[in-house]
Amino acid sequence: MVWPHLLSYFFGGAFLANAVPHLVSGMMGRPFQSPFAKPPGQGLSSSTVNVLWGFFNLVVGYLLVCRVGDFDLKHTPDVAALGLGTLVLSLVGARQFGRFNGGNAPEQS
């Protein structure tokens, strides 16, 4: 096991997680925040821009996971690195974009 491979799988998981909301929003024809909006990460980008950005993230995620090292779904450290990257980016995205989409509403007791 080589630690640069695990780092690659971590970032691959992050890119794959980032692909999901952009591809889904774009395929549904809905605008969504992207790095290309004004202001970056806060304004809305068109559905077409989101499909392209989501697809780019999917390709980079694939390259980092499938073309670096020898990723194995039966090798726990490989899967843990990928899962941790996915979880971290998903939590960051939930906090960041929840501000704009109502996802950070306080819990009712």
PDB file of N, CA and C in Angstrom:
ATOM      1  N   MET A   1       0.850  -1.180   0.000  1.00  0.00           N
ATOM      2  CA  MET A   1       0.000   0.000   0.000  1.00  0.00           C
ATOM      3  C   MET A   1       0.895   1.243   0.000  1.00  0.00           C
ATOM      4  N   VAL A   2       0.607   2.155  -0.894  1.00  0.00           N
ATOM      5  CA  VAL A   2       1.383   3.379  -1.029  1.00  0.00           C
ATOM      6  C   VAL A   2       0.474   4.551  -0.670  1.00  0.00           C
ATOM      7  N   TRP A   3       0.931   5.406   0.258  1.00  0.00           N
ATOM      8  CA  TRP A   3       0.062   6.489   0.724  1.00  0.00           C
ATOM      9  C   TRP A   3      -0.353   7.462  -0.370  1.00  0.00           C
ATOM     10  N   PRO A   4       0.459   7.733  -1.405  1.00  0.00           N
ATOM     11  CA  PRO A   4      -0.051   8.619  -2.465  1.00  0.00           C
ATOM     12  C   PRO A   4      -1.283   8.038  -3.166  1.00  0.00           C
ATOM     13  N   HIS A   5      -1.356   6.708  -3.252  1.00  0.00           N
ATOM     14  CA  HIS A   5      -2.545   6.096  -3.859  1.00  0.00           C
ATOM     15  C   HIS A   5      -3.766   6.362  -2.995  1.00  0.00           C
ATOM     16  N   LEU A   6      -3.610   6.233  -1.674  1.00  0.00           N
ATOM     17  CA  LEU A   6      -4.742   6.490  -0.776  1.00  0.00           C
ATOM     18  C   LEU A   6      -5.174   7.951  -0.858  1.00  0.00           C
ATOM     19  N   LEU A   7      -4.216   8.852  -0.975  1.00  0.00           N
ATOM     20  CA  LEU A   7      -4.536  10.270  -1.131  1.00  0.00           C
ATOM     21  C   LEU A   7      -5.297  10.501  -2.436  1.00  0.00           C
ATOM     22  N   SER A   8      -4.884   9.813  -3.483  1.00  0.00           N
ATOM     23  CA  SER A   8      -5.572   9.909  -4.768  1.00  0.00           C
ATOM     24  C   SER A   8      -7.006   9.395  -4.645  1.00  0.00           C
ATOM     25  N   TYR A   9      -7.214   8.301  -3.917  1.00  0.00           N
ATOM     26  CA  TYR A   9      -8.563   7.753  -3.745  1.00  0.00           C
ATOM     27  C   TYR A   9      -9.429   8.694  -2.912  1.00  0.00           C
ATOM     28  N   PHE A  10      -8.829   9.356  -1.909  1.00  0.00           N
ATOM     29  CA  PHE A  10      -9.554  10.333  -1.104  1.00  0.00           C
ATOM     30  C   PHE A  10     -10.077  11.461  -2.004  1.00  0.00           C
ATOM     31  N   PHE A  11      -9.180  12.039  -2.807  1.00  0.00           N
ATOM     32  CA  PHE A  11      -9.600  13.133  -3.682  1.00  0.00           C
ATOM     33  C   PHE A  11     -10.506  12.635  -4.803  1.00  0.00           C
ATOM     34  N   GLY A  12     -10.299  11.397  -5.242  1.00  0.00           N
ATOM     35  CA  GLY A  12     -11.213  10.812  -6.218  1.00  0.00           C
ATOM     36  C   GLY A  12     -12.630  10.727  -5.661  1.00  0.00           C
ATOM     37  N   GLY A  13     -12.760  10.324  -4.399  1.00  0.00           N
ATOM     38  CA  GLY A  13     -14.076  10.289  -3.754  1.00  0.00           C
ATOM     39  C   GLY A  13     -14.696  11.669  -3.670  1.00  0.00           C
ATOM     40  N   ALA A  14     -13.874  12.673  -3.389  1.00  0.00           N
ATOM     41  CA  ALA A  14     -14.377  14.043  -3.315  1.00  0.00           C
ATOM     42  C   ALA A  14     -14.881  14.514  -4.686  1.00  0.00           C
ATOM     43  N   PHE A  15     -14.125  14.250  -5.732  1.00  0.00           N
ATOM     44  CA  PHE A  15     -14.557  14.647  -7.074  1.00  0.00           C
ATOM     45  C   PHE A  15     -15.819  13.894  -7.492  1.00  0.00           C
ATOM     46  N   LEU A  16     -15.900  12.606  -7.175  1.00  0.00           N
ATOM     47  CA  LEU A  16     -17.099  11.843  -7.524  1.00  0.00           C
ATOM     48  C   LEU A  16     -18.322  12.369  -6.777  1.00  0.00           C
ATOM     49  N   ALA A  17     -18.148  12.715  -5.500  1.00  0.00           N
ATOM     50  CA  ALA A  17     -19.261  13.275  -4.730  1.00  0.00           C
ATOM     51  C   ALA A  17     -19.686  14.621  -5.312  1.00  0.00           C
ATOM     52  N   ASN A  18     -18.733  15.421  -5.743  1.00  0.00           N
ATOM     53  CA  ASN A  18     -19.056  16.732  -6.302  1.00  0.00           C
ATOM     54  C   ASN A  18     -19.759  16.609  -7.649  1.00  0.00           C
ATOM     55  N   ALA A  19     -19.530  15.532  -8.361  1.00  0.00           N
ATOM     56  CA  ALA A  19     -20.184  15.344  -9.654  1.00  0.00           C
ATOM     57  C   ALA A  19     -21.693  15.176  -9.503  1.00  0.00           C
ATOM     58  N   VAL A  20     -22.124  14.550  -8.423  1.00  0.00           N
ATOM     59  CA  VAL A  20     -23.540  14.187  -8.275  1.00  0.00           C
ATOM     60  C   VAL A  20     -24.483  15.391  -8.301  1.00  0.00           C
ATOM     61  N   PRO A  21     -24.331  16.397  -7.407  1.00  0.00           N
ATOM     62  CA  PRO A  21     -25.323  17.478  -7.431  1.00  0.00           C
ATOM     63  C   PRO A  21     -25.313  18.288  -8.722  1.00  0.00           C
ATOM     64  N   HIS A  22     -24.131  18.432  -9.327  1.00  0.00           N
ATOM     65  CA  HIS A  22     -24.057  19.205 -10.567  1.00  0.00           C
ATOM     66  C   HIS A  22     -24.715  18.454 -11.723  1.00  0.00           C
ATOM     67  N   LEU A  23     -24.436  17.168 -11.838  1.00  0.00           N
ATOM     68  CA  LEU A  23     -25.071  16.386 -12.903  1.00  0.00           C
ATOM     69  C   LEU A  23     -26.577  16.297 -12.709  1.00  0.00           C
ATOM     70  N   VAL A  24     -27.016  16.027 -11.487  1.00  0.00           N
ATOM     71  CA  VAL A  24     -28.456  15.884 -11.233  1.00  0.00           C
ATOM     72  C   VAL A  24     -29.183  17.201 -11.481  1.00  0.00           C
ATOM     73  N   SER A  25     -28.664  18.299 -10.919  1.00  0.00           N
ATOM     74  CA  SER A  25     -29.310  19.600 -11.135  1.00  0.00           C
ATOM     75  C   SER A  25     -29.351  19.941 -12.621  1.00  0.00           C
ATOM     76  N   GLY A  26     -28.234  19.739 -13.297  1.00  0.00           N
ATOM     77  CA  GLY A  26     -28.182  20.049 -14.722  1.00  0.00           C
ATOM     78  C   GLY A  26     -29.124  19.190 -15.533  1.00  0.00           C
ATOM     79  N   MET A  27     -29.182  17.901 -15.238  1.00  0.00           N
ATOM     80  CA  MET A  27     -30.058  17.003 -15.997  1.00  0.00           C
ATOM     81  C   MET A  27     -31.535  17.294 -15.726  1.00  0.00           C
ATOM     82  N   MET A  28     -31.826  17.886 -14.570  1.00  0.00           N
ATOM     83  CA  MET A  28     -33.204  18.271 -14.252  1.00  0.00           C
ATOM     84  C   MET A  28     -33.537  19.647 -14.822  1.00  0.00           C
ATOM     85  N   GLY A  29     -32.545  20.298 -15.442  1.00  0.00           N
ATOM     86  CA  GLY A  29     -32.771  21.610 -16.028  1.00  0.00           C
ATOM     87  C   GLY A  29     -32.788  22.730 -15.014  1.00  0.00           C
ATOM     88  N   ARG A  30     -32.200  22.493 -13.853  1.00  0.00           N
ATOM     89  CA  ARG A  30     -32.202  23.488 -12.786  1.00  0.00           C
ATOM     90  C   ARG A  30     -30.837  24.155 -12.650  1.00  0.00           C
ATOM     91  N   PRO A  31     -30.828  25.450 -12.376  1.00  0.00           N
ATOM     92  CA  PRO A  31     -29.554  26.114 -12.097  1.00  0.00           C
ATOM     93  C   PRO A  31     -29.035  25.691 -10.722  1.00  0.00           C
ATOM     94  N   PHE A  32     -27.736  25.791 -10.532  1.00  0.00           N
ATOM     95  CA  PHE A  32     -27.128  25.416  -9.256  1.00  0.00           C
ATOM     96  C   PHE A  32     -25.824  26.194  -9.111  1.00  0.00           C
ATOM     97  N   GLN A  33     -25.365  26.370  -7.883  1.00  0.00           N
ATOM     98  CA  GLN A  33     -24.113  27.071  -7.641  1.00  0.00           C
ATOM     99  C   GLN A  33     -22.954  26.306  -8.283  1.00  0.00           C
ATOM    100  N   SER A  34     -22.003  27.063  -8.804  1.00  0.00           N
ATOM    101  CA  SER A  34     -20.788  26.452  -9.357  1.00  0.00           C
ATOM    102  C   SER A  34     -19.649  27.462  -9.253  1.00  0.00           C
ATOM    103  N   PRO A  35     -18.429  27.014  -9.490  1.00  0.00           N
ATOM    104  CA  PRO A  35     -17.285  27.939  -9.454  1.00  0.00           C
ATOM    105  C   PRO A  35     -17.332  28.987 -10.561  1.00  0.00           C
ATOM    106  N   PHE A  36     -18.199  28.805 -11.559  1.00  0.00           N
ATOM    107  CA  PHE A  36     -18.248  29.710 -12.708  1.00  0.00           C
ATOM    108  C   PHE A  36     -19.306  30.791 -12.566  1.00  0.00           C
ATOM    109  N   ALA A  37     -20.089  30.740 -11.484  1.00  0.00           N
ATOM    110  CA  ALA A  37     -21.145  31.729 -11.257  1.00  0.00           C
ATOM    111  C   ALA A  37     -20.540  33.015 -10.705  1.00  0.00           C
ATOM    112  N   LYS A  38     -21.351  34.053 -10.647  1.00  0.00           N
ATOM    113  CA  LYS A  38     -20.916  35.312 -10.046  1.00  0.00           C
ATOM    114  C   LYS A  38     -21.831  35.616  -8.874  1.00  0.00           C
ATOM    115  N   PRO A  39     -21.314  35.701  -7.671  1.00  0.00           N
ATOM    116  CA  PRO A  39     -19.959  35.384  -7.242  1.00  0.00           C
ATOM    117  C   PRO A  39     -19.726  33.867  -7.252  1.00  0.00           C
ATOM    118  N   PRO A  40     -18.483  33.435  -7.461  1.00  0.00           N
ATOM    119  CA  PRO A  40     -18.170  32.009  -7.538  1.00  0.00           C
ATOM    120  C   PRO A  40     -18.645  31.236  -6.308  1.00  0.00           C
ATOM    121  N   GLY A  41     -19.326  30.127  -6.549  1.00  0.00           N
ATOM    122  CA  GLY A  41     -19.793  29.273  -5.466  1.00  0.00           C
ATOM    123  C   GLY A  41     -21.036  29.772  -4.771  1.00  0.00           C
ATOM    124  N   GLN A  42     -21.524  30.952  -5.149  1.00  0.00           N
ATOM    125  CA  GLN A  42     -22.724  31.494  -4.514  1.00  0.00           C
ATOM    126  C   GLN A  42     -23.832  31.754  -5.522  1.00  0.00           C
ATOM    127  N   GLY A  43     -23.463  32.336  -6.658  1.00  0.00           N
ATOM    128  CA  GLY A  43     -24.459  32.586  -7.693  1.00  0.00           C
ATOM    129  C   GLY A  43     -24.822  31.290  -8.393  1.00  0.00           C
ATOM    130  N   LEU A  44     -25.832  31.367  -9.234  1.00  0.00           N
ATOM    131  CA  LEU A  44     -26.304  30.177  -9.941  1.00  0.00           C
ATOM    132  C   LEU A  44     -25.722  30.101 -11.345  1.00  0.00           C
ATOM    133  N   SER A  45     -25.368  28.887 -11.744  1.00  0.00           N
ATOM    134  CA  SER A  45     -24.934  28.628 -13.116  1.00  0.00           C
ATOM    135  C   SER A  45     -26.038  27.882 -13.838  1.00  0.00           C
ATOM    136  N   SER A  46     -26.053  27.977 -15.138  1.00  0.00           N
ATOM    137  CA  SER A  46     -27.084  27.314 -15.936  1.00  0.00           C
ATOM    138  C   SER A  46     -26.986  25.795 -15.806  1.00  0.00           C
ATOM    139  N   SER A  47     -28.053  25.147 -16.205  1.00  0.00           N
ATOM    140  CA  SER A  47     -28.067  23.681 -16.160  1.00  0.00           C
ATOM    141  C   SER A  47     -26.993  23.100 -17.077  1.00  0.00           C
ATOM    142  N   THR A  48     -26.741  23.729 -18.207  1.00  0.00           N
ATOM    143  CA  THR A  48     -25.712  23.246 -19.133  1.00  0.00           C
ATOM    144  C   THR A  48     -24.328  23.330 -18.501  1.00  0.00           C
ATOM    145  N   VAL A  49     -24.023  24.451 -17.861  1.00  0.00           N
ATOM    146  CA  VAL A  49     -22.735  24.610 -17.186  1.00  0.00           C
ATOM    147  C   VAL A  49     -22.593  23.542 -16.103  1.00  0.00           C
ATOM    148  N   ASN A  50     -23.677  23.262 -15.374  1.00  0.00           N
ATOM    149  CA  ASN A  50     -23.606  22.259 -14.316  1.00  0.00           C
ATOM    150  C   ASN A  50     -23.390  20.854 -14.863  1.00  0.00           C
ATOM    151  N   VAL A  51     -24.002  20.517 -15.980  1.00  0.00           N
ATOM    152  CA  VAL A  51     -23.751  19.200 -16.587  1.00  0.00           C
ATOM    153  C   VAL A  51     -22.285  19.089 -16.986  1.00  0.00           C
ATOM    154  N   LEU A  52     -21.749  20.126 -17.606  1.00  0.00           N
ATOM    155  CA  LEU A  52     -20.342  20.092 -18.019  1.00  0.00           C
ATOM    156  C   LEU A  52     -19.409  20.007 -16.813  1.00  0.00           C
ATOM    157  N   TRP A  53     -19.678  20.788 -15.770  1.00  0.00           N
ATOM    158  CA  TRP A  53     -18.854  20.761 -14.565  1.00  0.00           C
ATOM    159  C   TRP A  53     -18.980  19.410 -13.860  1.00  0.00           C
ATOM    160  N   GLY A  54     -20.179  18.875 -13.788  1.00  0.00           N
ATOM    161  CA  GLY A  54     -20.379  17.564 -13.175  1.00  0.00           C
ATOM    162  C   GLY A  54     -19.650  16.468 -13.940  1.00  0.00           C
ATOM    163  N   PHE A  55     -19.715  16.526 -15.263  1.00  0.00           N
ATOM    164  CA  PHE A  55     -19.030  15.525 -16.075  1.00  0.00           C
ATOM    165  C   PHE A  55     -17.520  15.627 -15.912  1.00  0.00           C
ATOM    166  N   PHE A  56     -16.995  16.855 -15.847  1.00  0.00           N
ATOM    167  CA  PHE A  56     -15.562  17.055 -15.599  1.00  0.00           C
ATOM    168  C   PHE A  56     -15.165  16.409 -14.264  1.00  0.00           C
ATOM    169  N   ASN A  57     -15.963  16.641 -13.214  1.00  0.00           N
ATOM    170  CA  ASN A  57     -15.682  16.045 -11.909  1.00  0.00           C
ATOM    171  C   ASN A  57     -15.727  14.523 -11.976  1.00  0.00           C
ATOM    172  N   LEU A  58     -16.662  13.980 -12.740  1.00  0.00           N
ATOM    173  CA  LEU A  58     -16.767  12.532 -12.908  1.00  0.00           C
ATOM    174  C   LEU A  58     -15.508  11.967 -13.572  1.00  0.00           C
ATOM    175  N   VAL A  59     -15.026  12.629 -14.598  1.00  0.00           N
ATOM    176  CA  VAL A  59     -13.815  12.180 -15.298  1.00  0.00           C
ATOM    177  C   VAL A  59     -12.598  12.243 -14.378  1.00  0.00           C
ATOM    178  N   VAL A  60     -12.439  13.355 -13.650  1.00  0.00           N
ATOM    179  CA  VAL A  60     -11.298  13.482 -12.738  1.00  0.00           C
ATOM    180  C   VAL A  60     -11.388  12.429 -11.636  1.00  0.00           C
ATOM    181  N   GLY A  61     -12.590  12.205 -11.090  1.00  0.00           N
ATOM    182  CA  GLY A  61     -12.775  11.168 -10.074  1.00  0.00           C
ATOM    183  C   GLY A  61     -12.393   9.794 -10.605  1.00  0.00           C
ATOM    184  N   TYR A  62     -12.824   9.491 -11.818  1.00  0.00           N
ATOM    185  CA  TYR A  62     -12.460   8.219 -12.450  1.00  0.00           C
ATOM    186  C   TYR A  62     -10.946   8.084 -12.581  1.00  0.00           C
ATOM    187  N   LEU A  63     -10.309   9.124 -13.077  1.00  0.00           N
ATOM    188  CA  LEU A  63      -8.856   9.064 -13.265  1.00  0.00           C
ATOM    189  C   LEU A  63      -8.131   8.850 -11.939  1.00  0.00           C
ATOM    190  N   LEU A  64      -8.566   9.546 -10.886  1.00  0.00           N
ATOM    191  CA  LEU A  64      -7.904   9.427  -9.584  1.00  0.00           C
ATOM    192  C   LEU A  64      -8.128   8.068  -8.927  1.00  0.00           C
ATOM    193  N   VAL A  65      -9.280   7.464  -9.166  1.00  0.00           N
ATOM    194  CA  VAL A  65      -9.594   6.182  -8.515  1.00  0.00           C
ATOM    195  C   VAL A  65      -9.160   4.991  -9.371  1.00  0.00           C
ATOM    196  N   CYS A  66      -9.432   5.054 -10.643  1.00  0.00           N
ATOM    197  CA  CYS A  66      -9.229   3.870 -11.486  1.00  0.00           C
ATOM    198  C   CYS A  66      -7.907   3.839 -12.248  1.00  0.00           C
ATOM    199  N   ARG A  67      -7.237   4.961 -12.340  1.00  0.00           N
ATOM    200  CA  ARG A  67      -6.006   4.988 -13.133  1.00  0.00           C
ATOM    201  C   ARG A  67      -4.757   5.223 -12.300  1.00  0.00           C
ATOM    202  N   VAL A  68      -4.934   5.425 -10.986  1.00  0.00           N
ATOM    203  CA  VAL A  68      -3.793   5.601 -10.079  1.00  0.00           C
ATOM    204  C   VAL A  68      -3.741   4.365  -9.182  1.00  0.00           C
ATOM    205  N   GLY A  69      -2.622   3.728  -9.127  1.00  0.00           N
ATOM    206  CA  GLY A  69      -2.501   2.536  -8.293  1.00  0.00           C
ATOM    207  C   GLY A  69      -3.371   1.410  -8.811  1.00  0.00           C
ATOM    208  N   ASP A  70      -3.809   0.561  -7.878  1.00  0.00           N
ATOM    209  CA  ASP A  70      -4.647  -0.594  -8.217  1.00  0.00           C
ATOM    210  C   ASP A  70      -5.804  -0.635  -7.226  1.00  0.00           C
ATOM    211  N   PHE A  71      -6.784   0.260  -7.393  1.00  0.00           N
ATOM    212  CA  PHE A  71      -7.919   0.343  -6.472  1.00  0.00           C
ATOM    213  C   PHE A  71      -8.641  -1.001  -6.422  1.00  0.00           C
ATOM    214  N   ASP A  72      -8.935  -1.453  -5.197  1.00  0.00           N
ATOM    215  CA  ASP A  72      -9.597  -2.742  -5.002  1.00  0.00           C
ATOM    216  C   ASP A  72     -10.727  -2.568  -3.999  1.00  0.00           C
ATOM    217  N   LEU A  73     -11.961  -2.856  -4.427  1.00  0.00           N
ATOM    218  CA  LEU A  73     -13.123  -2.741  -3.535  1.00  0.00           C
ATOM    219  C   LEU A  73     -13.046  -3.679  -2.338  1.00  0.00           C
ATOM    220  N   LYS A  74     -12.207  -4.708  -2.411  1.00  0.00           N
ATOM    221  CA  LYS A  74     -12.063  -5.644  -1.294  1.00  0.00           C
ATOM    222  C   LYS A  74     -10.925  -5.251  -0.358  1.00  0.00           C
ATOM    223  N   HIS A  75     -10.236  -4.161  -0.663  1.00  0.00           N
ATOM    224  CA  HIS A  75      -9.127  -3.690   0.167  1.00  0.00           C
ATOM    225  C   HIS A  75      -9.627  -2.515   1.006  1.00  0.00           C
ATOM    226  N   THR A  76      -9.803  -2.778   2.294  1.00  0.00           N
ATOM    227  CA  THR A  76     -10.434  -1.805   3.191  1.00  0.00           C
ATOM    228  C   THR A  76      -9.786  -0.419   3.165  1.00  0.00           C
ATOM    229  N   PRO A  77      -8.472  -0.290   3.205  1.00  0.00           N
ATOM    230  CA  PRO A  77      -7.893   1.066   3.163  1.00  0.00           C
ATOM    231  C   PRO A  77      -8.264   1.836   1.882  1.00  0.00           C
ATOM    232  N   ASP A  78      -8.324   1.151   0.749  1.00  0.00           N
ATOM    233  CA  ASP A  78      -8.716   1.812  -0.502  1.00  0.00           C
ATOM    234  C   ASP A  78     -10.136   2.361  -0.392  1.00  0.00           C
ATOM    235  N   VAL A  79     -11.047   1.514   0.065  1.00  0.00           N
ATOM    236  CA  VAL A  79     -12.451   1.906   0.171  1.00  0.00           C
ATOM    237  C   VAL A  79     -12.633   2.973   1.251  1.00  0.00           C
ATOM    238  N   ALA A  80     -11.898   2.857   2.343  1.00  0.00           N
ATOM    239  CA  ALA A  80     -11.994   3.848   3.420  1.00  0.00           C
ATOM    240  C   ALA A  80     -11.538   5.225   2.934  1.00  0.00           C
ATOM    241  N   ALA A  81     -10.455   5.276   2.171  1.00  0.00           N
ATOM    242  CA  ALA A  81      -9.969   6.555   1.644  1.00  0.00           C
ATOM    243  C   ALA A  81     -10.992   7.167   0.691  1.00  0.00           C
ATOM    244  N   LEU A  82     -11.542   6.357  -0.209  1.00  0.00           N
ATOM    245  CA  LEU A  82     -12.564   6.833  -1.139  1.00  0.00           C
ATOM    246  C   LEU A  82     -13.800   7.313  -0.373  1.00  0.00           C
ATOM    247  N   GLY A  83     -14.249   6.522   0.579  1.00  0.00           N
ATOM    248  CA  GLY A  83     -15.432   6.877   1.367  1.00  0.00           C
ATOM    249  C   GLY A  83     -15.228   8.128   2.195  1.00  0.00           C
ATOM    250  N   LEU A  84     -14.040   8.272   2.767  1.00  0.00           N
ATOM    251  CA  LEU A  84     -13.756   9.457   3.577  1.00  0.00           C
ATOM    252  C   LEU A  84     -13.742  10.717   2.703  1.00  0.00           C
ATOM    253  N   GLY A  85     -13.166  10.629   1.533  1.00  0.00           N
ATOM    254  CA  GLY A  85     -13.184  11.771   0.612  1.00  0.00           C
ATOM    255  C   GLY A  85     -14.601  12.139   0.208  1.00  0.00           C
ATOM    256  N   THR A  86     -15.423  11.122  -0.047  1.00  0.00           N
ATOM    257  CA  THR A  86     -16.825  11.356  -0.397  1.00  0.00           C
ATOM    258  C   THR A  86     -17.570  12.006   0.762  1.00  0.00           C
ATOM    259  N   LEU A  87     -17.370  11.483   1.973  1.00  0.00           N
ATOM    260  CA  LEU A  87     -18.050  12.018   3.151  1.00  0.00           C
ATOM    261  C   LEU A  87     -17.640  13.453   3.436  1.00  0.00           C
ATOM    262  N   VAL A  88     -16.346  13.730   3.408  1.00  0.00           N
ATOM    263  CA  VAL A  88     -15.859  15.078   3.721  1.00  0.00           C
ATOM    264  C   VAL A  88     -16.419  16.095   2.731  1.00  0.00           C
ATOM    265  N   LEU A  89     -16.324  15.808   1.435  1.00  0.00           N
ATOM    266  CA  LEU A  89     -16.834  16.757   0.449  1.00  0.00           C
ATOM    267  C   LEU A  89     -18.340  16.906   0.570  1.00  0.00           C
ATOM    268  N   SER A  90     -19.046  15.831   0.865  1.00  0.00           N
ATOM    269  CA  SER A  90     -20.503  15.894   1.015  1.00  0.00           C
ATOM    270  C   SER A  90     -20.906  16.761   2.201  1.00  0.00           C
ATOM    271  N   LEU A  91     -20.195  16.630   3.313  1.00  0.00           N
ATOM    272  CA  LEU A  91     -20.502  17.458   4.487  1.00  0.00           C
ATOM    273  C   LEU A  91     -20.178  18.928   4.232  1.00  0.00           C
ATOM    274  N   VAL A  92     -19.051  19.188   3.582  1.00  0.00           N
ATOM    275  CA  VAL A  92     -18.689  20.572   3.252  1.00  0.00           C
ATOM    276  C   VAL A  92     -19.738  21.164   2.312  1.00  0.00           C
ATOM    277  N   GLY A  93     -20.143  20.410   1.314  1.00  0.00           N
ATOM    278  CA  GLY A  93     -21.170  20.884   0.382  1.00  0.00           C
ATOM    279  C   GLY A  93     -22.506  21.123   1.062  1.00  0.00           C
ATOM    280  N   ALA A  94     -22.878  20.248   1.979  1.00  0.00           N
ATOM    281  CA  ALA A  94     -24.147  20.415   2.701  1.00  0.00           C
ATOM    282  C   ALA A  94     -24.151  21.721   3.486  1.00  0.00           C
ATOM    283  N   ARG A  95     -23.050  22.019   4.153  1.00  0.00           N
ATOM    284  CA  ARG A  95     -22.959  23.265   4.928  1.00  0.00           C
ATOM    285  C   ARG A  95     -22.904  24.482   4.004  1.00  0.00           C
ATOM    286  N   GLN A  96     -22.067  24.399   2.961  1.00  0.00           N
ATOM    287  CA  GLN A  96     -21.885  25.529   2.053  1.00  0.00           C
ATOM    288  C   GLN A  96     -23.169  25.869   1.302  1.00  0.00           C
ATOM    289  N   PHE A  97     -23.788  24.887   0.677  1.00  0.00           N
ATOM    290  CA  PHE A  97     -24.935  25.145  -0.178  1.00  0.00           C
ATOM    291  C   PHE A  97     -26.246  25.132   0.588  1.00  0.00           C
ATOM    292  N   GLY A  98     -26.232  24.611   1.808  1.00  0.00           N
ATOM    293  CA  GLY A  98     -27.423  24.674   2.647  1.00  0.00           C
ATOM    294  C   GLY A  98     -27.801  26.108   2.971  1.00  0.00           C
ATOM    295  N   ARG A  99     -26.824  27.002   2.977  1.00  0.00           N
ATOM    296  CA  ARG A  99     -27.102  28.426   3.222  1.00  0.00           C
ATOM    297  C   ARG A  99     -28.012  29.005   2.151  1.00  0.00           C
ATOM    298  N   PHE A 100     -27.883  28.502   0.932  1.00  0.00           N
ATOM    299  CA  PHE A 100     -28.628  29.064  -0.190  1.00  0.00           C
ATOM    300  C   PHE A 100     -29.908  28.293  -0.497  1.00  0.00           C
ATOM    301  N   ASN A 101     -29.969  27.045  -0.080  1.00  0.00           N
ATOM    302  CA  ASN A 101     -31.085  26.181  -0.476  1.00  0.00           C
ATOM    303  C   ASN A 101     -31.945  25.719   0.687  1.00  0.00           C
ATOM    304  N   GLY A 102     -31.788  26.329   1.851  1.00  0.00           N
ATOM    305  CA  GLY A 102     -32.638  26.007   2.988  1.00  0.00           C
ATOM    306  C   GLY A 102     -32.241  24.767   3.753  1.00  0.00           C
ATOM    307  N   GLY A 103     -31.079  24.217   3.487  1.00  0.00           N
ATOM    308  CA  GLY A 103     -30.667  22.987   4.154  1.00  0.00           C
ATOM    309  C   GLY A 103     -30.046  23.179   5.524  1.00  0.00           C
ATOM    310  N   ASN A 104     -29.815  24.411   5.931  1.00  0.00           N
ATOM    311  CA  ASN A 104     -29.210  24.665   7.244  1.00  0.00           C
ATOM    312  C   ASN A 104     -30.235  25.215   8.231  1.00  0.00           C
ATOM    313  N   ALA A 105     -31.500  24.921   8.015  1.00  0.00           N
ATOM    314  CA  ALA A 105     -32.551  25.392   8.933  1.00  0.00           C
ATOM    315  C   ALA A 105     -32.347  24.743  10.293  1.00  0.00           C
ATOM    316  N   PRO A 106     -32.576  25.480  11.389  1.00  0.00           N
ATOM    317  CA  PRO A 106     -32.412  24.878  12.716  1.00  0.00           C
ATOM    318  C   PRO A 106     -33.434  23.770  12.930  1.00  0.00           C
ATOM    319  N   GLU A 107     -33.008  22.750  13.669  1.00  0.00           N
ATOM    320  CA  GLU A 107     -33.886  21.615  13.948  1.00  0.00           C
ATOM    321  C   GLU A 107     -34.972  22.032  14.920  1.00  0.00           C
ATOM    322  N   GLN A 108     -36.163  21.535  14.706  1.00  0.00           N
ATOM    323  CA  GLN A 108     -37.298  21.830  15.571  1.00  0.00           C
ATOM    324  C   GLN A 108     -37.393  20.760  16.650  1.00  0.00           C
ATOM    325  N   SER A 109     -37.649  21.167  17.895  1.00  0.00           N
ATOM    326  CA  SER A 109     -37.767  20.168  18.959  1.00  0.00           C
ATOM    327  C   SER A 109     -39.155  20.110  19.516  1.00  0.00           C
TER     328      SER A 109
END
